[in-house]
Amino acid sequence: MSSLRTSNAATLEESAHSDPNLADIRRRALAGERLSIDDGLALYESPDLWGVCTIADEIRRRLHGRTTYFNINRHLNYSNVCALSCKFCEFYRKRGDDGAYERSLDEIREEARGAMEAGATEMHIVGGLHPYLPFDYYTDMMRAIREEAPTLHIKAFTAVEIVHLAKIAKVHKRDDPAAGIRSVLERLKEAGLGSLPGGGAEVFDDRIHDEAFKGKIRSDVWLDVHRVAHELGLNTNATILYGHIDNRRERLIHMDMLRGAQDQALSRLGYAADVAGAITLTGAGAELPTPAMSDRGGYFQTIIPLPFIPDGSELEHLPGPSGLENLRTIAIARLMLDNFPHVKAFWIMQTLAMAEFQLCAGADDLDGTVVWYDITKVGGASTHQETTVWDLQKAIRDAGLDPVERDTLYRRVERKGAQWRLAE
């Protein structure tokens, strides 16, 4: 991989110009100009895939140099019982189905204690839209984790779950959904919630929603949840689940909507927009937002492109995206989402081998050690999906980059065994 990196740098100009469309896109991207949806289509359709990846890599290096992030984390799925029946999902069960489960608070305490003893800095928590658990279960969950593992950052609940919690807490209002969202997030934050993951976004398109996951919140409500979270000073992530019944233009529209929402968040932090109303971080000299700005509000930290994995779902007759499509989509996400500080190659869904290539195509983060993950299983994997710090560091070094452990908010971590602290 290091030799690929050397070749990449040596042939940058040649590669970027082998497709005439790429030369102008590269120039404008490096100037910090926002690319259009038509530019994104040109990147998707370019015959020069390595040229596309090379431009994304140059932007990634401008933002982060050789630094590549990983963390020591634990995933917790508190229940797979769900009121929805999304066609792309193998995870959900109905209460009473074989394999259905609900974690007790004692089990959750045990998971938190084990995570802290292993030196994890983050607990990542998501689950199904359980129709019977009371709202107190979720605030009690936050408090239980905080009591057992006070140093763990709690990243929990997708936007879909937050809206569901507003309903079971009886604060949801159809004419003013943001009020219920705010009430729930305030109560969860008080109980210990630290940030939101990016799941549940899928692809922002009504046609896709109606066909593949009818009943799930649409793009406007998903964005409302993250907007309110940002207003409350919570950082969040964003995802796109692609490669099922979506098309490339729909993916690009999704990215455009995300960067528009990020413009609003960064404006709240004091960033100035250009004449077109865009705020970009990819131009020379642009400064990335930091957790120190949280008194002014939160923001999207990272985009996580997730390839659709058909196994076991109602859409398993579809092939899913190819490895080359995954590589291209990571690169395009880096170029289109010009105001997102980070791009994550989530190794669980990309595989660690593919994620290593994606570090040369715009990604600067691999996620973490994980241990248990029940949402998707690549190639028939079990729920025990764990990698080691050594493996993550090796993958990063093999790509010619420098591994840096981070916490959830992308602050550098210094560690001695299970003991850790934030770098000064």
Protein backbone atom coordinates (compact mmCIF):
# COMPACT_ATOMS: atom_id res chain seq x y z
CA MET A 1 0.00 0.00 0.00
CA SER A 2 2.91 2.37 0.71
CA SER A 3 4.13 1.97 -2.86
CA LEU A 4 0.66 2.83 -4.07
CA ARG A 5 0.84 5.98 -1.96
CA THR A 6 4.17 6.97 -3.50
CA SER A 7 2.85 6.36 -6.99
CA ASN A 8 -0.28 8.27 -6.10
CA ALA A 9 1.67 11.40 -5.13
CA ALA A 10 4.05 11.17 -8.08
CA THR A 11 1.34 10.93 -10.72
CA LEU A 12 -1.26 13.27 -9.22
CA GLU A 13 -1.37 15.75 -12.07
CA GLU A 14 -1.30 13.08 -14.76
CA SER A 15 -4.06 11.04 -13.11
CA ALA A 16 -6.30 14.01 -12.45
CA HIS A 17 -6.06 15.05 -16.11
CA SER A 18 -6.52 11.63 -17.75
CA ASP A 19 -10.25 12.39 -17.70
CA PRO A 20 -10.68 15.98 -18.96
CA ASN A 21 -13.60 16.54 -16.59
CA LEU A 22 -11.47 15.85 -13.52
CA ALA A 23 -8.94 18.65 -14.05
CA ASP A 24 -11.50 21.42 -13.54
CA ILE A 25 -13.20 19.61 -10.66
CA ARG A 26 -9.83 19.19 -8.95
CA ARG A 27 -8.98 22.87 -9.40
CA ARG A 28 -12.27 24.02 -7.90
CA ALA A 29 -12.17 21.50 -5.06
CA LEU A 30 -8.69 22.62 -4.04
CA ALA A 31 -9.84 26.24 -4.21
CA GLY A 32 -12.50 25.42 -1.63
CA GLU A 33 -15.39 25.85 -4.08
CA ARG A 34 -18.53 23.78 -3.61
CA LEU A 35 -19.06 21.09 -6.23
CA SER A 36 -22.47 20.73 -7.85
CA ILE A 37 -24.60 17.63 -8.19
CA ASP A 38 -23.60 17.54 -11.85
CA ASP A 39 -19.97 17.55 -10.73
CA GLY A 40 -20.77 14.62 -8.49
CA LEU A 41 -22.30 12.74 -11.42
CA ALA A 42 -19.18 13.43 -13.45
CA LEU A 43 -17.13 11.90 -10.63
CA TYR A 44 -19.39 8.85 -10.53
CA GLU A 45 -19.24 8.40 -14.29
CA SER A 46 -15.55 9.11 -14.79
CA PRO A 47 -13.61 6.21 -16.31
CA ASP A 48 -10.62 7.30 -14.21
CA LEU A 49 -11.53 5.92 -10.80
CA TRP A 50 -8.00 6.34 -9.46
CA GLY A 51 -8.06 9.98 -10.57
CA VAL A 52 -11.24 10.50 -8.54
CA CYS A 53 -9.66 8.81 -5.52
CA THR A 54 -6.50 10.85 -5.91
CA ILE A 55 -8.34 14.16 -5.77
CA ALA A 56 -10.21 13.00 -2.66
CA ASP A 57 -6.92 11.92 -1.11
CA GLU A 58 -5.40 15.34 -1.73
CA ILE A 59 -8.31 17.01 0.06
CA ARG A 60 -8.06 14.51 2.90
CA ARG A 61 -4.33 15.22 3.27
CA ARG A 62 -4.97 18.95 3.28
CA LEU A 63 -7.39 18.50 6.19
CA HIS A 64 -5.53 15.84 8.20
CA GLY A 65 -2.09 15.23 6.74
CA ARG A 66 -1.04 11.64 7.46
CA THR A 67 -3.16 11.43 10.62
CA THR A 68 -5.73 8.61 10.57
CA TYR A 69 -8.08 7.99 13.46
CA PHE A 70 -9.36 4.95 15.32
CA ASN A 71 -10.93 4.49 18.73
CA ILE A 72 -11.49 1.82 21.35
CA ASN A 73 -15.23 1.45 21.59
CA ARG A 74 -18.05 -0.95 22.37
CA HIS A 75 -21.35 -1.26 20.52
CA LEU A 76 -24.50 -2.08 22.47
CA ASN A 77 -27.79 -3.06 20.84
CA TYR A 78 -30.31 -2.87 23.68
CA SER A 79 -33.12 -4.58 21.73
CA ASN A 80 -33.87 -5.83 18.23
CA VAL A 81 -37.63 -5.63 18.74
CA CYS A 82 -38.92 -3.02 16.31
CA ALA A 83 -42.26 -1.57 15.29
CA LEU A 84 -40.97 -1.11 11.74
CA SER A 85 -40.27 -3.76 9.10
CA CYS A 86 -37.76 -2.11 6.74
CA LYS A 87 -37.08 -4.26 3.69
CA PHE A 88 -33.30 -3.74 3.83
CA CYS A 89 -33.03 -4.80 7.48
CA GLU A 90 -32.08 -8.25 8.79
CA PHE A 91 -31.78 -6.97 12.36
CA TYR A 92 -35.39 -6.41 13.43
CA ARG A 93 -37.67 -8.90 15.18
CA LYS A 94 -41.21 -8.75 16.52
CA ARG A 95 -41.74 -9.49 20.19
CA GLY A 96 -42.00 -13.25 20.59
CA ASP A 97 -40.05 -14.03 17.41
CA ASP A 98 -37.11 -16.42 17.59
CA GLY A 99 -34.02 -14.38 18.37
CA ALA A 100 -35.89 -11.35 19.76
CA TYR A 101 -34.19 -9.80 22.80
CA GLU A 102 -34.37 -6.90 25.26
CA ARG A 103 -31.37 -6.06 27.46
CA SER A 104 -32.06 -5.50 31.13
CA LEU A 105 -30.47 -2.59 32.96
CA ASP A 106 -28.32 -5.09 34.87
CA GLU A 107 -27.03 -6.47 31.56
CA ILE A 108 -26.33 -2.96 30.34
CA ARG A 109 -24.45 -2.15 33.53
CA GLU A 110 -22.33 -5.25 32.98
CA GLU A 111 -21.57 -4.22 29.39
CA ALA A 112 -20.56 -0.73 30.53
CA ARG A 113 -18.35 -2.10 33.29
CA GLY A 114 -16.66 -4.48 30.87
CA ALA A 115 -16.09 -1.67 28.35
CA MET A 116 -14.49 0.57 30.95
CA GLU A 117 -12.27 -2.23 32.26
CA ALA A 118 -11.11 -2.88 28.67
CA GLY A 119 -10.14 0.77 28.30
CA ALA A 120 -12.92 1.82 25.90
CA THR A 121 -13.59 5.52 25.54
CA GLU A 122 -17.01 5.19 23.91
CA MET A 123 -20.25 3.21 24.19
CA HIS A 124 -22.20 3.28 20.91
CA ILE A 125 -25.87 2.42 21.55
CA VAL A 126 -28.67 1.83 19.04
CA GLY A 127 -31.65 -0.51 18.84
CA GLY A 128 -35.04 -1.14 17.33
CA LEU A 129 -38.13 1.00 17.85
CA HIS A 130 -39.41 -1.06 20.75
CA PRO A 131 -43.16 -0.42 21.09
CA TYR A 132 -43.44 -1.43 24.77
CA LEU A 133 -40.41 -0.20 26.69
CA PRO A 134 -41.20 2.99 28.68
CA PHE A 135 -39.25 6.19 28.19
CA ASP A 136 -37.73 5.85 31.66
CA TYR A 137 -35.90 2.74 30.42
CA TYR A 138 -33.76 4.95 28.16
CA THR A 139 -32.93 7.64 30.70
CA ASP A 140 -32.26 4.93 33.30
CA MET A 141 -29.94 3.29 30.75
CA MET A 142 -27.92 6.51 30.42
CA ARG A 143 -27.68 6.89 34.20
CA ALA A 144 -26.72 3.25 34.72
CA ILE A 145 -23.84 3.56 32.25
CA ARG A 146 -22.74 6.85 33.77
CA GLU A 147 -22.70 5.29 37.27
CA GLU A 148 -20.80 2.16 36.20
CA ALA A 149 -18.41 3.80 33.73
CA PRO A 150 -18.17 7.57 34.27
CA THR A 151 -15.33 7.99 31.77
CA LEU A 152 -17.27 6.46 28.85
CA HIS A 153 -18.70 8.83 26.27
CA ILE A 154 -22.25 7.74 25.42
CA LYS A 155 -23.07 8.02 21.73
CA ALA A 156 -26.61 6.78 21.44
CA PHE A 157 -29.90 6.69 19.52
CA THR A 158 -30.43 7.43 15.86
CA ALA A 159 -32.76 10.21 14.78
CA VAL A 160 -35.40 7.55 14.11
CA GLU A 161 -35.14 6.37 17.71
CA ILE A 162 -35.31 9.94 19.06
CA VAL A 163 -38.62 10.56 17.30
CA HIS A 164 -39.90 7.22 18.60
CA LEU A 165 -38.86 8.19 22.13
CA ALA A 166 -40.74 11.49 21.79
CA LYS A 167 -43.86 9.48 21.01
CA ILE A 168 -43.57 7.05 23.92
CA ALA A 169 -42.69 9.97 26.25
CA LYS A 170 -45.93 11.57 25.02
CA VAL A 171 -44.24 14.84 24.03
CA HIS A 172 -44.50 14.38 20.25
CA LYS A 173 -46.63 16.98 18.48
CA ARG A 174 -47.48 16.59 14.82
CA ASP A 175 -47.76 20.34 14.31
CA ASP A 176 -44.45 20.99 16.11
CA PRO A 177 -42.26 17.85 16.11
CA ALA A 178 -39.14 19.85 17.00
CA ALA A 179 -40.58 20.66 20.44
CA GLY A 180 -40.89 16.97 21.33
CA ILE A 181 -37.45 16.24 19.89
CA ARG A 182 -35.96 18.99 22.02
CA SER A 183 -37.67 17.75 25.18
CA VAL A 184 -36.38 14.20 24.69
CA LEU A 185 -32.84 15.27 23.82
CA GLU A 186 -32.67 17.59 26.84
CA ARG A 187 -33.75 14.78 29.17
CA LEU A 188 -31.35 12.28 27.61
CA LYS A 189 -28.48 14.78 27.73
CA GLU A 190 -29.17 15.46 31.40
CA ALA A 191 -29.06 11.68 32.02
CA GLY A 192 -25.68 11.31 30.29
CA LEU A 193 -26.08 11.34 26.50
CA GLY A 194 -22.95 12.79 24.87
CA SER A 195 -23.62 12.71 21.11
CA LEU A 196 -25.77 11.12 18.40
CA PRO A 197 -24.72 8.51 15.84
CA GLY A 198 -25.70 9.04 12.21
CA GLY A 199 -27.89 6.02 11.52
CA GLY A 200 -31.38 6.00 10.07
CA ALA A 201 -30.66 8.47 7.29
CA GLU A 202 -30.61 5.75 4.58
CA VAL A 203 -31.08 7.85 1.37
CA PHE A 204 -33.10 11.07 1.56
CA ASP A 205 -35.70 10.41 -1.11
CA ASP A 206 -39.47 9.88 -0.78
CA ARG A 207 -39.56 7.23 -3.53
CA ILE A 208 -36.95 5.14 -1.77
CA HIS A 209 -38.58 5.60 1.62
CA ASP A 210 -41.99 4.52 0.36
CA GLU A 211 -40.60 1.41 -1.28
CA ALA A 212 -37.86 0.23 1.07
CA PHE A 213 -38.61 1.57 4.56
CA LYS A 214 -42.13 2.95 4.64
CA GLY A 215 -43.07 4.31 8.05
CA LYS A 216 -39.56 5.49 8.90
CA ILE A 217 -39.08 9.24 9.35
CA ARG A 218 -38.35 11.22 6.20
CA SER A 219 -35.42 13.50 5.54
CA ASP A 220 -36.97 16.68 7.00
CA VAL A 221 -37.56 15.06 10.39
CA TRP A 222 -34.15 13.33 10.42
CA LEU A 223 -32.51 16.68 9.76
CA ASP A 224 -34.69 18.33 12.43
CA VAL A 225 -33.39 15.89 15.06
CA HIS A 226 -29.78 16.69 14.20
CA ARG A 227 -30.47 20.43 13.99
CA VAL A 228 -31.98 20.43 17.49
CA ALA A 229 -29.10 18.30 18.78
CA HIS A 230 -26.65 20.83 17.37
CA GLU A 231 -28.57 23.68 18.99
CA LEU A 232 -28.22 21.86 22.32
CA GLY A 233 -24.44 21.55 21.85
CA LEU A 234 -24.42 17.87 20.89
CA ASN A 235 -22.17 16.74 18.05
CA THR A 236 -23.60 14.16 15.66
CA ASN A 237 -22.61 11.95 12.75
CA ALA A 238 -24.36 11.28 9.43
CA THR A 239 -24.70 8.21 7.23
CA ILE A 240 -25.88 7.23 3.79
CA LEU A 241 -26.96 3.62 3.13
CA TYR A 242 -26.47 3.17 -0.60
CA GLY A 243 -26.48 0.44 -3.23
CA HIS A 244 -30.01 -0.94 -2.92
CA ILE A 245 -32.86 0.68 -4.92
CA ASP A 246 -31.21 4.10 -4.97
CA ASN A 247 -29.41 5.68 -7.90
CA ARG A 248 -26.33 7.85 -7.97
CA ARG A 249 -28.15 11.17 -8.38
CA GLU A 250 -30.26 10.38 -5.33
CA ARG A 251 -27.10 9.76 -3.31
CA LEU A 252 -25.73 13.12 -4.40
CA ILE A 253 -28.96 14.91 -3.46
CA HIS A 254 -28.65 13.27 -0.04
CA MET A 255 -25.09 14.62 0.30
CA ASP A 256 -26.24 18.07 -0.80
CA MET A 257 -28.95 18.12 1.88
CA LEU A 258 -26.42 17.09 4.53
CA ARG A 259 -23.95 19.81 3.63
CA GLY A 260 -26.78 22.37 3.65
CA ALA A 261 -27.61 21.33 7.22
CA GLN A 262 -23.91 21.55 8.11
CA ASP A 263 -23.77 25.07 6.69
CA GLN A 264 -26.37 26.04 9.29
CA ALA A 265 -24.44 24.36 12.10
CA LEU A 266 -21.14 25.97 11.15
CA SER A 267 -22.79 29.37 10.79
CA ARG A 268 -23.94 29.01 14.40
CA LEU A 269 -20.28 28.44 15.33
CA GLY A 270 -19.24 31.68 13.64
CA TYR A 271 -18.09 30.48 10.22
CA ALA A 272 -18.78 32.87 7.35
CA ALA A 273 -20.51 31.73 4.17
CA ASP A 274 -19.31 32.60 0.67
CA VAL A 275 -21.41 34.60 -1.79
CA ALA A 276 -23.37 31.46 -2.69
CA GLY A 277 -24.19 30.78 0.96
CA ALA A 278 -21.81 27.80 1.28
CA ILE A 279 -19.34 27.18 4.11
CA THR A 280 -16.49 24.90 3.08
CA LEU A 281 -13.54 23.53 5.03
CA THR A 282 -11.52 22.23 2.09
CA GLY A 283 -9.83 25.41 0.91
CA ALA A 284 -6.29 26.34 1.91
CA GLY A 285 -6.07 27.63 5.47
CA ALA A 286 -9.59 26.65 6.57
CA GLU A 287 -9.83 25.68 10.25
CA LEU A 288 -11.79 22.66 11.39
CA PRO A 289 -14.40 23.00 14.15
CA THR A 290 -13.42 21.68 17.57
CA PRO A 291 -15.21 20.49 20.73
CA ALA A 292 -14.14 23.77 22.36
CA MET A 293 -16.87 25.43 20.29
CA SER A 294 -19.63 23.41 21.99
CA ASP A 295 -20.83 26.40 23.96
CA ARG A 296 -21.98 27.83 20.60
CA GLY A 297 -23.48 24.58 19.33
CA GLY A 298 -22.75 21.18 17.86
CA TYR A 299 -22.06 20.06 14.30
CA PHE A 300 -21.73 17.02 12.07
CA GLN A 301 -18.36 15.40 12.75
CA THR A 302 -18.21 12.73 10.08
CA ILE A 303 -19.99 11.19 7.11
CA ILE A 304 -20.15 7.39 7.11
CA PRO A 305 -21.04 5.87 3.71
CA LEU A 306 -22.54 2.42 4.35
CA PRO A 307 -22.87 -0.14 1.54
CA PHE A 308 -26.13 -2.08 1.49
CA ILE A 309 -25.57 -5.71 2.51
CA PRO A 310 -28.48 -7.79 1.16
CA ASP A 311 -28.01 -11.03 3.11
CA GLY A 312 -31.15 -12.06 5.00
CA SER A 313 -33.26 -9.00 4.21
CA GLU A 314 -36.32 -8.68 1.96
CA LEU A 315 -34.02 -7.09 -0.62
CA GLU A 316 -31.53 -9.96 -0.64
CA HIS A 317 -32.28 -10.54 -4.33
CA LEU A 318 -30.32 -7.34 -5.05
CA PRO A 319 -26.56 -7.66 -5.55
CA GLY A 320 -25.45 -4.75 -3.38
CA PRO A 321 -22.70 -2.35 -4.46
CA SER A 322 -19.36 -3.58 -5.79
CA GLY A 323 -16.05 -2.93 -4.10
CA LEU A 324 -15.17 -0.37 -6.77
CA GLU A 325 -18.48 1.42 -6.19
CA ASN A 326 -17.71 1.52 -2.48
CA LEU A 327 -14.28 2.99 -3.16
CA ARG A 328 -15.71 5.59 -5.53
CA THR A 329 -18.52 6.55 -3.14
CA ILE A 330 -16.10 7.20 -0.26
CA ALA A 331 -14.04 9.46 -2.53
CA ILE A 332 -17.09 11.34 -3.78
CA ALA A 333 -18.39 11.78 -0.23
CA ARG A 334 -15.07 13.45 0.70
CA LEU A 335 -15.31 15.80 -2.29
CA MET A 336 -19.02 16.63 -2.06
CA LEU A 337 -19.22 17.01 1.73
CA ASP A 338 -16.77 19.87 1.79
CA ASN A 339 -17.85 21.09 5.23
CA PHE A 340 -17.61 17.74 7.07
CA PRO A 341 -14.34 17.45 8.99
CA HIS A 342 -14.11 13.65 8.73
CA VAL A 343 -14.99 10.70 6.48
CA LYS A 344 -15.23 7.29 8.11
CA ALA A 345 -14.54 3.96 6.41
CA PHE A 346 -16.58 1.81 8.80
CA TRP A 347 -14.60 -1.41 8.64
CA ILE A 348 -17.48 -3.59 9.89
CA MET A 349 -19.48 -2.92 6.70
CA GLN A 350 -16.61 -2.18 4.33
CA THR A 351 -14.28 -4.98 5.59
CA LEU A 352 -10.90 -3.99 6.97
CA ALA A 353 -9.15 -4.75 3.66
CA MET A 354 -11.46 -2.43 1.69
CA ALA A 355 -11.29 0.22 4.40
CA GLU A 356 -7.51 0.25 4.01
CA PHE A 357 -7.90 1.18 0.34
CA GLN A 358 -10.45 3.83 1.30
CA LEU A 359 -7.84 5.53 3.46
CA CYS A 360 -6.16 6.35 0.13
CA ALA A 361 -9.44 7.71 -1.26
CA GLY A 362 -10.59 10.37 1.19
CA ALA A 363 -11.31 8.52 4.45
CA ASP A 364 -9.40 9.51 7.60
CA ASP A 365 -11.11 7.28 10.18
CA LEU A 366 -11.65 3.51 10.57
CA ASP A 367 -13.99 3.57 13.61
CA GLY A 368 -12.96 1.24 16.44
CA THR A 369 -12.57 -2.17 17.98
CA VAL A 370 -16.40 -2.66 18.26
CA VAL A 371 -16.57 -6.26 19.78
CA TRP A 372 -20.34 -6.85 19.40
CA TYR A 373 -22.34 -5.67 16.39
CA ASP A 374 -25.76 -7.07 15.54
CA ILE A 375 -27.02 -4.72 12.81
CA THR A 376 -25.23 -6.14 9.77
CA LYS A 377 -23.01 -9.17 9.27
CA VAL A 378 -20.72 -9.23 6.24
CA GLY A 379 -20.27 -12.67 4.71
CA GLY A 380 -22.23 -14.49 7.40
CA ALA A 381 -20.24 -13.10 10.34
CA SER A 382 -21.63 -13.53 13.87
CA THR A 383 -22.58 -10.74 16.24
CA HIS A 384 -19.07 -11.04 17.70
CA GLN A 385 -17.29 -8.73 15.27
CA GLU A 386 -14.12 -7.51 16.87
CA THR A 387 -10.76 -6.30 15.72
CA THR A 388 -7.72 -5.32 17.74
CA VAL A 389 -5.91 -2.04 18.13
CA TRP A 390 -2.89 -3.73 16.55
CA ASP A 391 -4.93 -4.67 13.44
CA LEU A 392 -6.33 -1.15 13.09
CA GLN A 393 -2.90 0.42 13.48
CA LYS A 394 -1.39 -2.04 10.99
CA ALA A 395 -4.06 -1.26 8.38
CA ILE A 396 -3.39 2.45 8.78
CA ARG A 397 0.39 2.04 8.57
CA ASP A 398 0.08 -0.27 5.56
CA ALA A 399 -1.73 2.59 3.82
CA GLY A 400 1.30 4.80 4.49
CA LEU A 401 -0.43 6.81 7.21
CA ASP A 402 -0.07 7.51 10.92
CA PRO A 403 -2.53 5.92 13.40
CA VAL A 404 -3.89 8.20 16.12
CA GLU A 405 -6.28 7.06 18.82
CA ARG A 406 -9.17 9.47 19.33
CA ASP A 407 -12.17 9.80 21.59
CA THR A 408 -15.69 10.26 20.23
CA LEU A 409 -15.14 14.00 19.70
CA TYR A 410 -11.88 13.47 17.78
CA ARG A 411 -9.64 14.54 20.64
CA ARG A 412 -6.33 12.69 20.81
CA VAL A 413 -5.99 10.01 23.45
CA GLU A 414 -2.86 9.02 25.35
CA ARG A 415 -2.94 5.50 26.76
CA LYS A 416 -1.14 3.06 29.02
CA GLY A 417 -3.04 -0.22 28.88
CA ALA A 418 -6.65 0.30 29.92
CA GLN A 419 -5.79 3.67 31.47
CA TRP A 420 -6.17 6.66 29.19
CA ARG A 421 -6.38 10.41 29.19
CA LEU A 422 -6.91 13.17 26.65
CA ALA A 423 -3.68 14.47 25.15
CA GLU A 424 -2.74 17.98 26.21
